[in-house]
Protein backbone atom coordinates (compact mmCIF):
# COMPACT_ATOMS: atom_id res chain seq x y z
CA MET A 1 -0.11 0.21 0.12
CA GLU A 2 1.41 3.60 -1.09
CA THR A 3 1.73 6.42 1.27
CA HIS A 4 0.20 9.06 1.20
CA TYR A 5 4.01 10.78 0.06
CA GLU A 6 4.75 8.46 -2.25
CA LYS A 7 1.09 8.75 -3.82
CA TYR A 8 1.72 12.44 -4.33
CA LYS A 9 5.49 12.91 -4.51
CA GLU A 10 5.17 14.53 -7.87
CA THR A 11 2.16 16.51 -7.04
CA ILE A 12 4.52 17.64 -3.72
CA LYS A 13 7.34 18.89 -5.69
CA LYS A 14 5.41 20.55 -8.35
CA VAL A 15 3.99 22.66 -5.59
CA ALA A 16 6.90 23.18 -3.65
CA ARG A 17 8.53 24.56 -6.59
CA ARG A 18 5.87 27.26 -7.40
CA HIS A 19 5.99 28.45 -3.91
CA TYR A 20 9.68 28.85 -3.74
CA ASN A 21 9.34 30.73 -7.45
CA LYS A 22 6.91 32.70 -6.11
CA ARG A 23 9.12 33.81 -3.32
CA VAL A 24 11.79 34.47 -5.36
CA ALA A 25 9.69 36.70 -7.53
CA TRP A 26 8.63 38.42 -4.65
CA LEU A 27 12.33 39.29 -3.51
CA ASN A 28 13.06 39.99 -7.54
CA GLN A 29 9.69 42.62 -7.22
CA HIS A 30 11.37 44.44 -4.89
CA LEU A 31 14.33 45.22 -7.17
CA SER A 32 12.60 45.96 -10.55
CA ASP A 33 12.30 49.50 -10.13
CA LYS A 34 15.60 49.80 -8.60
CA SER A 35 19.18 50.82 -10.09
CA CYS A 36 22.82 50.47 -8.79
CA ARG A 37 23.68 53.19 -6.29
CA ASN A 38 26.93 53.45 -7.88
CA CYS A 39 26.72 52.96 -11.31
CA GLY A 40 23.13 53.22 -12.43
CA GLU A 41 22.56 49.17 -13.32
CA SER A 42 19.17 48.52 -13.86
CA GLU A 43 19.38 45.03 -14.98
CA THR A 44 17.37 43.06 -12.18
CA VAL A 45 19.49 39.91 -12.17
CA CYS A 46 22.74 41.95 -11.70
CA LEU A 47 21.27 43.81 -8.67
CA LYS A 48 22.04 43.18 -4.76
CA PHE A 49 21.13 44.24 -1.42
CA TYR A 50 24.17 45.62 0.21
CA PRO A 51 25.17 44.33 2.44
CA TYR A 52 22.58 41.67 3.35
CA ASP A 53 22.23 40.30 0.51
CA SER A 54 22.75 36.34 0.90
CA GLN A 55 20.78 36.76 4.52
CA ILE A 56 17.96 38.43 2.52
CA ARG A 57 17.99 35.51 -0.08
CA LYS A 58 18.17 32.84 2.25
CA LEU A 59 15.38 34.11 4.50
CA SER A 60 12.79 35.12 1.26
CA LYS A 61 13.34 31.06 -0.09
CA THR A 62 12.21 29.69 3.15
CA THR A 63 10.08 31.83 4.63
CA SER A 64 6.26 31.64 3.86
CA LEU A 65 4.97 34.62 1.52
CA ASN A 66 1.97 34.51 4.10
CA GLY A 67 4.47 34.45 7.32
CA GLN A 68 6.06 37.46 8.80
CA ARG A 69 8.71 38.97 6.45
CA THR A 70 9.20 41.49 8.67
CA GLU A 71 12.81 40.90 8.99
CA ILE A 72 13.45 40.32 5.76
CA VAL A 73 11.95 43.84 4.94
CA ASP A 74 13.67 45.50 7.80
CA LEU A 75 17.20 43.86 5.92
CA ILE A 76 16.10 45.32 2.67
CA ASP A 77 15.41 48.86 4.12
CA ASN A 78 18.89 48.92 5.52
CA SER A 79 20.75 47.89 2.26
CA GLU A 80 22.13 49.63 -0.38
CA ILE A 81 21.24 48.70 -3.86
CA LEU A 82 24.67 47.85 -5.87
CA CYS A 83 25.28 45.56 -8.97
CA HIS A 84 27.45 42.71 -8.59
CA ASN A 85 30.36 44.33 -10.32
CA CYS A 86 29.88 47.96 -8.12
CA TRP A 87 29.96 45.34 -5.22
CA ILE A 88 32.92 43.70 -5.59
CA LYS A 89 34.71 47.54 -5.96
CA LEU A 90 33.80 48.22 -3.34
CA ASP A 91 34.73 45.15 -1.34
CA ASN A 92 38.00 45.87 -2.89
CA ASP A 93 38.01 49.44 -1.71
CA LEU A 94 38.05 50.51 -5.65
CA ILE A 95 35.08 52.65 -5.17
CA GLU A 96 33.76 54.45 -1.77
CA LEU A 97 30.11 54.74 -0.97
CA ILE A 98 28.89 58.81 -0.09
C-alpha cells in the first residue's frame, strides 16, 4: 500500500517548486524598479542588497509569503542596492559609497 507522500510525490514537488518560485519572484519585485546606487545598472539579475544580500535571499526562499516577513523587509530597508560589479569594487576598496 502506497503512503500519501509516495502517492502524491510529484504533486508535492510541483507545489513546493511553485511556492519557491513565488518567493523568489517576490524578492525580484523589490528590485524591479531599482538601480545600482553607484553606476545606475538596472538589470534585476545584476542587482544585490548591500551588505545583507545572502541573508535576505536565504530568508526569502524559506519564509512563507503568508508568514512574517518583517525581518526580510527590515534587512531590505537597511540595504543599499548595488550591481554585482560595484559590490566587488566596494569590497576591494576600489569605490566608496557616499
